[in-house]
Amino acid sequence: MEKEKLEQKYMEFQLLSQQMKQLQNQTQLLENQLIEFVLLIQSLDELKKLKNGDEILVPVANGIFAKAKLEDNEELIVNIGSDVAVKKKIPDTKKLMEEQVDELKKLQKQMLNELQRLSTKAISLEKEINGVISEKS
């Protein structure tokens, strides 16, 4: 009976370890998204400083840029989903990005709390496994 209990606890521990690893990966992806949004907000601040006619680099693809002249330093065209784009003033766009950063931070906090919960449970399980092993010795 003790062997079955030990195997069950070990399988539960393995499952927790996998869940923690997946959550850590998701947390890292979320952190990368947060960094991208922060950089985007900084870029919006820099864009406001430019004048119409200033030369800028426009991304064509990842790592590929084209030279262009800025025609409008007050409005941007923003994709709002489902291939729908609308014109938005830079401050409105910045506010939208900041709201998304806030949402991502809330999600990040939830994920870190869940990771802490799983970690605590894994430590408890590890103690139980060690206890069962000690009883067998």
N, C-alpha and C. Protein backbone atom coordinates (compact mmCIF):
# COMPACT_ATOMS: atom_id res chain seq x y z
N MET A 1 0.82 -1.20 0.00
CA MET A 1 0.00 0.00 0.00
C MET A 1 0.86 1.26 0.00
N GLU A 2 1.96 1.25 0.78
CA GLU A 2 2.84 2.41 0.84
C GLU A 2 3.46 2.71 -0.52
N LYS A 3 3.76 1.66 -1.28
CA LYS A 3 4.35 1.86 -2.60
C LYS A 3 3.38 2.60 -3.51
N GLU A 4 2.10 2.22 -3.46
CA GLU A 4 1.08 2.89 -4.27
C GLU A 4 0.93 4.35 -3.86
N LYS A 5 0.97 4.59 -2.56
CA LYS A 5 0.86 5.96 -2.04
C LYS A 5 2.05 6.79 -2.52
N LEU A 6 3.22 6.20 -2.46
CA LEU A 6 4.44 6.89 -2.91
C LEU A 6 4.37 7.20 -4.40
N GLU A 7 3.92 6.23 -5.19
CA GLU A 7 3.80 6.44 -6.64
C GLU A 7 2.79 7.54 -6.95
N GLN A 8 1.68 7.55 -6.23
CA GLN A 8 0.65 8.57 -6.43
C GLN A 8 1.20 9.95 -6.11
N LYS A 9 1.87 10.06 -4.98
CA LYS A 9 2.45 11.35 -4.58
C LYS A 9 3.51 11.81 -5.58
N TYR A 10 4.30 10.86 -6.06
CA TYR A 10 5.35 11.21 -7.02
C TYR A 10 4.73 11.70 -8.33
N MET A 11 3.67 11.02 -8.80
CA MET A 11 3.01 11.44 -10.04
C MET A 11 2.38 12.83 -9.86
N GLU A 12 1.81 13.07 -8.70
CA GLU A 12 1.23 14.38 -8.41
C GLU A 12 2.32 15.46 -8.41
N PHE A 13 3.47 15.10 -7.84
CA PHE A 13 4.60 16.04 -7.81
C PHE A 13 5.09 16.34 -9.23
N GLN A 14 5.17 15.32 -10.06
CA GLN A 14 5.60 15.50 -11.45
C GLN A 14 4.62 16.41 -12.21
N LEU A 15 3.33 16.20 -11.99
CA LEU A 15 2.30 17.02 -12.63
C LEU A 15 2.43 18.48 -12.19
N LEU A 16 2.64 18.69 -10.90
CA LEU A 16 2.84 20.05 -10.39
C LEU A 16 4.07 20.70 -11.02
N SER A 17 5.13 19.93 -11.15
CA SER A 17 6.36 20.45 -11.76
C SER A 17 6.11 20.88 -13.20
N GLN A 18 5.36 20.08 -13.94
CA GLN A 18 5.03 20.44 -15.32
C GLN A 18 4.18 21.70 -15.38
N GLN A 19 3.19 21.79 -14.50
CA GLN A 19 2.34 22.98 -14.46
C GLN A 19 3.17 24.23 -14.14
N MET A 20 4.10 24.09 -13.20
CA MET A 20 4.95 25.22 -12.83
C MET A 20 5.83 25.64 -13.99
N LYS A 21 6.36 24.67 -14.71
CA LYS A 21 7.22 25.00 -15.85
C LYS A 21 6.42 25.73 -16.93
N GLN A 22 5.20 25.26 -17.21
CA GLN A 22 4.34 25.92 -18.20
C GLN A 22 4.01 27.35 -17.76
N LEU A 23 3.70 27.51 -16.50
CA LEU A 23 3.37 28.82 -15.96
C LEU A 23 4.57 29.76 -16.02
N GLN A 24 5.75 29.22 -15.76
CA GLN A 24 6.97 30.04 -15.86
C GLN A 24 7.19 30.49 -17.30
N ASN A 25 6.95 29.60 -18.26
CA ASN A 25 7.08 29.97 -19.67
C ASN A 25 6.08 31.05 -20.05
N GLN A 26 4.83 30.89 -19.60
CA GLN A 26 3.81 31.89 -19.89
C GLN A 26 4.15 33.23 -19.25
N THR A 27 4.69 33.18 -18.05
CA THR A 27 5.09 34.40 -17.35
C THR A 27 6.20 35.11 -18.12
N GLN A 28 7.13 34.35 -18.67
CA GLN A 28 8.22 34.95 -19.45
C GLN A 28 7.68 35.60 -20.73
N LEU A 29 6.74 34.93 -21.40
CA LEU A 29 6.12 35.51 -22.59
C LEU A 29 5.40 36.81 -22.24
N LEU A 30 4.72 36.80 -21.13
CA LEU A 30 4.00 37.99 -20.67
C LEU A 30 4.98 39.12 -20.37
N GLU A 31 6.10 38.78 -19.75
CA GLU A 31 7.14 39.79 -19.46
C GLU A 31 7.66 40.40 -20.76
N ASN A 32 7.85 39.57 -21.78
CA ASN A 32 8.30 40.08 -23.08
C ASN A 32 7.28 41.03 -23.69
N GLN A 33 6.00 40.70 -23.55
CA GLN A 33 4.94 41.58 -24.06
C GLN A 33 4.95 42.92 -23.32
N LEU A 34 5.14 42.86 -22.01
CA LEU A 34 5.20 44.09 -21.23
C LEU A 34 6.35 44.98 -21.69
N ILE A 35 7.49 44.38 -21.93
CA ILE A 35 8.65 45.14 -22.41
C ILE A 35 8.34 45.79 -23.75
N GLU A 36 7.69 45.04 -24.65
CA GLU A 36 7.33 45.59 -25.96
C GLU A 36 6.40 46.79 -25.82
N PHE A 37 5.41 46.69 -24.92
CA PHE A 37 4.48 47.80 -24.72
C PHE A 37 5.18 49.03 -24.14
N VAL A 38 6.09 48.81 -23.20
CA VAL A 38 6.83 49.93 -22.61
C VAL A 38 7.66 50.62 -23.69
N LEU A 39 8.32 49.83 -24.54
CA LEU A 39 9.10 50.41 -25.64
C LEU A 39 8.20 51.15 -26.62
N LEU A 40 7.02 50.61 -26.87
CA LEU A 40 6.07 51.26 -27.77
C LEU A 40 5.63 52.61 -27.20
N ILE A 41 5.35 52.64 -25.91
CA ILE A 41 4.95 53.90 -25.27
C ILE A 41 6.07 54.93 -25.37
N GLN A 42 7.31 54.48 -25.18
CA GLN A 42 8.45 55.39 -25.33
C GLN A 42 8.55 55.90 -26.76
N SER A 43 8.29 55.03 -27.72
CA SER A 43 8.33 55.43 -29.13
C SER A 43 7.26 56.47 -29.43
N LEU A 44 6.09 56.32 -28.82
CA LEU A 44 5.02 57.30 -29.02
C LEU A 44 5.44 58.67 -28.48
N ASP A 45 6.13 58.66 -27.34
CA ASP A 45 6.63 59.92 -26.78
C ASP A 45 7.64 60.57 -27.73
N GLU A 46 8.50 59.75 -28.32
CA GLU A 46 9.50 60.27 -29.26
C GLU A 46 8.83 60.79 -30.53
N LEU A 47 7.80 60.10 -30.98
CA LEU A 47 7.09 60.49 -32.20
C LEU A 47 6.46 61.87 -32.05
N LYS A 48 5.95 62.16 -30.86
CA LYS A 48 5.35 63.48 -30.62
C LYS A 48 6.36 64.61 -30.78
N LYS A 49 7.64 64.31 -30.56
CA LYS A 49 8.69 65.33 -30.65
C LYS A 49 9.08 65.64 -32.09
N LEU A 50 8.73 64.76 -33.02
CA LEU A 50 9.10 64.95 -34.42
C LEU A 50 8.19 65.98 -35.08
N LYS A 51 8.69 66.52 -36.18
CA LYS A 51 7.91 67.50 -36.96
C LYS A 51 7.50 66.86 -38.28
N ASN A 52 6.42 67.38 -38.85
CA ASN A 52 6.02 66.92 -40.18
C ASN A 52 7.18 67.16 -41.13
N GLY A 53 7.46 66.17 -41.96
CA GLY A 53 8.56 66.27 -42.92
C GLY A 53 9.85 65.65 -42.41
N ASP A 54 9.94 65.35 -41.11
CA ASP A 54 11.14 64.70 -40.59
C ASP A 54 11.27 63.30 -41.19
N GLU A 55 12.52 62.90 -41.43
CA GLU A 55 12.77 61.57 -41.97
C GLU A 55 12.73 60.55 -40.83
N ILE A 56 12.02 59.44 -41.09
CA ILE A 56 11.91 58.37 -40.09
C ILE A 56 12.16 57.03 -40.77
N LEU A 57 12.39 56.02 -39.96
CA LEU A 57 12.50 54.65 -40.45
C LEU A 57 11.20 53.93 -40.12
N VAL A 58 10.62 53.31 -41.14
CA VAL A 58 9.35 52.60 -40.98
C VAL A 58 9.62 51.11 -41.11
N PRO A 59 9.21 50.30 -40.12
CA PRO A 59 9.45 48.86 -40.23
C PRO A 59 8.61 48.24 -41.36
N VAL A 60 9.28 47.46 -42.20
CA VAL A 60 8.61 46.75 -43.29
C VAL A 60 8.39 45.29 -42.86
N ALA A 61 9.39 44.75 -42.20
CA ALA A 61 9.34 43.40 -41.65
C ALA A 61 10.31 43.39 -40.47
N ASN A 62 10.37 42.29 -39.78
CA ASN A 62 11.25 42.20 -38.62
C ASN A 62 12.70 42.49 -39.01
N GLY A 63 13.22 43.62 -38.54
CA GLY A 63 14.61 43.99 -38.82
C GLY A 63 14.82 44.66 -40.16
N ILE A 64 13.76 44.94 -40.92
CA ILE A 64 13.88 45.59 -42.23
C ILE A 64 13.10 46.90 -42.17
N PHE A 65 13.77 47.99 -42.56
CA PHE A 65 13.16 49.32 -42.47
C PHE A 65 13.25 50.05 -43.80
N ALA A 66 12.31 50.97 -44.00
CA ALA A 66 12.32 51.85 -45.17
C ALA A 66 12.38 53.28 -44.65
N LYS A 67 13.10 54.13 -45.38
CA LYS A 67 13.12 55.55 -45.03
C LYS A 67 11.82 56.18 -45.52
N ALA A 68 11.29 57.09 -44.71
CA ALA A 68 10.04 57.77 -45.07
C ALA A 68 10.04 59.15 -44.43
N LYS A 69 9.14 59.99 -44.91
CA LYS A 69 8.98 61.32 -44.31
C LYS A 69 7.65 61.34 -43.56
N LEU A 70 7.69 61.88 -42.37
CA LEU A 70 6.51 61.95 -41.53
C LEU A 70 5.55 63.01 -42.06
N GLU A 71 4.32 62.60 -42.34
CA GLU A 71 3.31 63.53 -42.85
C GLU A 71 2.39 64.04 -41.75
N ASP A 72 2.15 63.23 -40.73
CA ASP A 72 1.22 63.62 -39.67
C ASP A 72 1.79 63.16 -38.33
N ASN A 73 2.19 64.11 -37.51
CA ASN A 73 2.78 63.73 -36.22
C ASN A 73 1.76 63.81 -35.07
N GLU A 74 0.48 63.84 -35.42
CA GLU A 74 -0.56 63.92 -34.38
C GLU A 74 -1.48 62.71 -34.35
N GLU A 75 -1.67 62.05 -35.50
CA GLU A 75 -2.58 60.90 -35.56
C GLU A 75 -1.85 59.66 -36.04
N LEU A 76 -2.31 58.54 -35.52
CA LEU A 76 -1.80 57.23 -35.94
C LEU A 76 -2.96 56.39 -36.43
N ILE A 77 -2.65 55.37 -37.18
CA ILE A 77 -3.67 54.40 -37.58
C ILE A 77 -3.43 53.16 -36.71
N VAL A 78 -4.44 52.82 -35.92
CA VAL A 78 -4.31 51.78 -34.91
C VAL A 78 -5.24 50.62 -35.23
N ASN A 79 -4.67 49.41 -35.26
CA ASN A 79 -5.46 48.20 -35.46
C ASN A 79 -6.19 47.90 -34.16
N ILE A 80 -7.50 47.83 -34.22
CA ILE A 80 -8.30 47.56 -33.01
C ILE A 80 -8.84 46.14 -33.00
N GLY A 81 -8.37 45.31 -33.93
CA GLY A 81 -8.78 43.91 -33.97
C GLY A 81 -9.63 43.60 -35.19
N SER A 82 -9.66 42.33 -35.55
CA SER A 82 -10.43 41.84 -36.69
C SER A 82 -10.13 42.63 -37.96
N ASP A 83 -8.87 42.97 -38.16
CA ASP A 83 -8.42 43.72 -39.34
C ASP A 83 -9.14 45.06 -39.50
N VAL A 84 -9.53 45.66 -38.38
CA VAL A 84 -10.16 46.98 -38.39
C VAL A 84 -9.16 47.97 -37.82
N ALA A 85 -8.91 49.05 -38.56
CA ALA A 85 -7.98 50.09 -38.12
C ALA A 85 -8.71 51.42 -38.05
N VAL A 86 -8.35 52.22 -37.04
CA VAL A 86 -8.97 53.53 -36.87
C VAL A 86 -7.87 54.57 -36.62
N LYS A 87 -8.21 55.82 -36.92
CA LYS A 87 -7.28 56.91 -36.63
C LYS A 87 -7.42 57.28 -35.16
N LYS A 88 -6.28 57.46 -34.51
CA LYS A 88 -6.27 57.87 -33.10
C LYS A 88 -5.17 58.89 -32.89
N LYS A 89 -5.44 59.86 -32.05
CA LYS A 89 -4.43 60.83 -31.65
C LYS A 89 -3.36 60.10 -30.83
N ILE A 90 -2.13 60.60 -30.86
CA ILE A 90 -1.04 59.94 -30.14
C ILE A 90 -1.35 59.80 -28.64
N PRO A 91 -1.85 60.85 -27.96
CA PRO A 91 -2.16 60.67 -26.53
C PRO A 91 -3.22 59.59 -26.27
N ASP A 92 -4.20 59.48 -27.17
CA ASP A 92 -5.23 58.45 -27.02
C ASP A 92 -4.63 57.06 -27.23
N THR A 93 -3.72 56.97 -28.20
CA THR A 93 -3.05 55.70 -28.46
C THR A 93 -2.19 55.31 -27.26
N LYS A 94 -1.48 56.30 -26.73
CA LYS A 94 -0.63 56.05 -25.56
C LYS A 94 -1.48 55.57 -24.38
N LYS A 95 -2.63 56.20 -24.18
CA LYS A 95 -3.52 55.80 -23.09
C LYS A 95 -3.99 54.36 -23.28
N LEU A 96 -4.33 54.00 -24.51
CA LEU A 96 -4.74 52.64 -24.83
C LEU A 96 -3.62 51.65 -24.50
N MET A 97 -2.39 51.99 -24.87
CA MET A 97 -1.25 51.11 -24.59
C MET A 97 -1.02 50.99 -23.07
N GLU A 98 -1.16 52.10 -22.36
CA GLU A 98 -0.98 52.07 -20.90
C GLU A 98 -2.04 51.21 -20.23
N GLU A 99 -3.26 51.25 -20.75
CA GLU A 99 -4.33 50.40 -20.22
C GLU A 99 -4.00 48.93 -20.45
N GLN A 100 -3.44 48.63 -21.62
CA GLN A 100 -3.06 47.24 -21.91
C GLN A 100 -1.92 46.80 -20.99
N VAL A 101 -0.98 47.71 -20.72
CA VAL A 101 0.11 47.40 -19.79
C VAL A 101 -0.48 47.09 -18.41
N ASP A 102 -1.43 47.89 -17.96
CA ASP A 102 -2.07 47.65 -16.66
C ASP A 102 -2.73 46.27 -16.62
N GLU A 103 -3.44 45.92 -17.69
CA GLU A 103 -4.09 44.60 -17.76
C GLU A 103 -3.06 43.47 -17.73
N LEU A 104 -1.97 43.66 -18.47
CA LEU A 104 -0.92 42.63 -18.48
C LEU A 104 -0.27 42.50 -17.11
N LYS A 105 -0.10 43.61 -16.41
CA LYS A 105 0.48 43.55 -15.06
C LYS A 105 -0.44 42.82 -14.09
N LYS A 106 -1.75 43.03 -14.23
CA LYS A 106 -2.71 42.31 -13.38
C LYS A 106 -2.61 40.81 -13.66
N LEU A 107 -2.56 40.46 -14.93
CA LEU A 107 -2.44 39.06 -15.31
C LEU A 107 -1.13 38.47 -14.80
N GLN A 108 -0.06 39.25 -14.90
CA GLN A 108 1.24 38.80 -14.42
C GLN A 108 1.18 38.52 -12.91
N LYS A 109 0.53 39.40 -12.17
CA LYS A 109 0.41 39.21 -10.72
C LYS A 109 -0.37 37.93 -10.41
N GLN A 110 -1.46 37.69 -11.15
CA GLN A 110 -2.24 36.47 -10.95
C GLN A 110 -1.39 35.23 -11.24
N MET A 111 -0.62 35.30 -12.31
CA MET A 111 0.21 34.16 -12.68
C MET A 111 1.29 33.91 -11.63
N LEU A 112 1.89 34.97 -11.11
CA LEU A 112 2.91 34.81 -10.08
C LEU A 112 2.31 34.26 -8.78
N ASN A 113 1.10 34.69 -8.45
CA ASN A 113 0.42 34.15 -7.27
C ASN A 113 0.13 32.66 -7.45
N GLU A 114 -0.30 32.29 -8.65
CA GLU A 114 -0.57 30.87 -8.94
C GLU A 114 0.73 30.06 -8.88
N LEU A 115 1.79 30.62 -9.39
CA LEU A 115 3.10 29.96 -9.35
C LEU A 115 3.53 29.75 -7.90
N GLN A 116 3.31 30.75 -7.07
CA GLN A 116 3.64 30.63 -5.64
C GLN A 116 2.80 29.54 -4.98
N ARG A 117 1.52 29.50 -5.33
CA ARG A 117 0.63 28.48 -4.76
C ARG A 117 1.09 27.07 -5.15
N LEU A 118 1.43 26.91 -6.44
CA LEU A 118 1.90 25.60 -6.91
C LEU A 118 3.22 25.22 -6.26
N SER A 119 4.08 26.20 -6.08
CA SER A 119 5.38 25.95 -5.46
C SER A 119 5.21 25.49 -4.01
N THR A 120 4.33 26.15 -3.29
CA THR A 120 4.05 25.77 -1.90
C THR A 120 3.50 24.35 -1.84
N LYS A 121 2.61 24.03 -2.76
CA LYS A 121 2.03 22.69 -2.81
C LYS A 121 3.10 21.65 -3.15
N ALA A 122 4.01 22.00 -4.06
CA ALA A 122 5.08 21.08 -4.45
C ALA A 122 6.02 20.82 -3.27
N ILE A 123 6.32 21.85 -2.51
CA ILE A 123 7.19 21.68 -1.33
C ILE A 123 6.52 20.76 -0.32
N SER A 124 5.23 20.95 -0.12
CA SER A 124 4.47 20.10 0.81
C SER A 124 4.47 18.65 0.33
N LEU A 125 4.26 18.47 -0.96
CA LEU A 125 4.26 17.11 -1.53
C LEU A 125 5.63 16.46 -1.38
N GLU A 126 6.66 17.24 -1.61
CA GLU A 126 8.03 16.71 -1.49
C GLU A 126 8.28 16.22 -0.06
N LYS A 127 7.80 16.98 0.92
CA LYS A 127 7.94 16.56 2.32
C LYS A 127 7.18 15.27 2.57
N GLU A 128 5.97 15.16 2.00
CA GLU A 128 5.18 13.94 2.16
C GLU A 128 5.91 12.74 1.56
N ILE A 129 6.46 12.94 0.36
CA ILE A 129 7.19 11.86 -0.31
C ILE A 129 8.38 11.43 0.54
N ASN A 130 9.12 12.41 1.03
CA ASN A 130 10.28 12.10 1.87
C ASN A 130 9.85 11.39 3.16
N GLY A 131 8.67 11.78 3.70
CA GLY A 131 8.14 11.11 4.89
C GLY A 131 7.82 9.66 4.62
N VAL A 132 7.19 9.37 3.49
CA VAL A 132 6.85 7.99 3.13
C VAL A 132 8.13 7.18 2.92
N ILE A 133 9.12 7.79 2.29
CA ILE A 133 10.40 7.09 2.07
C ILE A 133 11.07 6.79 3.41
N SER A 134 11.03 7.77 4.33
CA SER A 134 11.64 7.59 5.66
C SER A 134 10.95 6.46 6.42
N GLU A 135 9.63 6.37 6.29
CA GLU A 135 8.88 5.31 6.97
C GLU A 135 9.30 3.94 6.47
N LYS A 136 9.64 3.86 5.18
CA LYS A 136 10.02 2.57 4.59
C LYS A 136 11.40 2.14 5.06
N SER A 137 12.24 3.12 5.40
CA SER A 137 13.63 2.80 5.78
C SER A 137 13.73 2.22 7.17
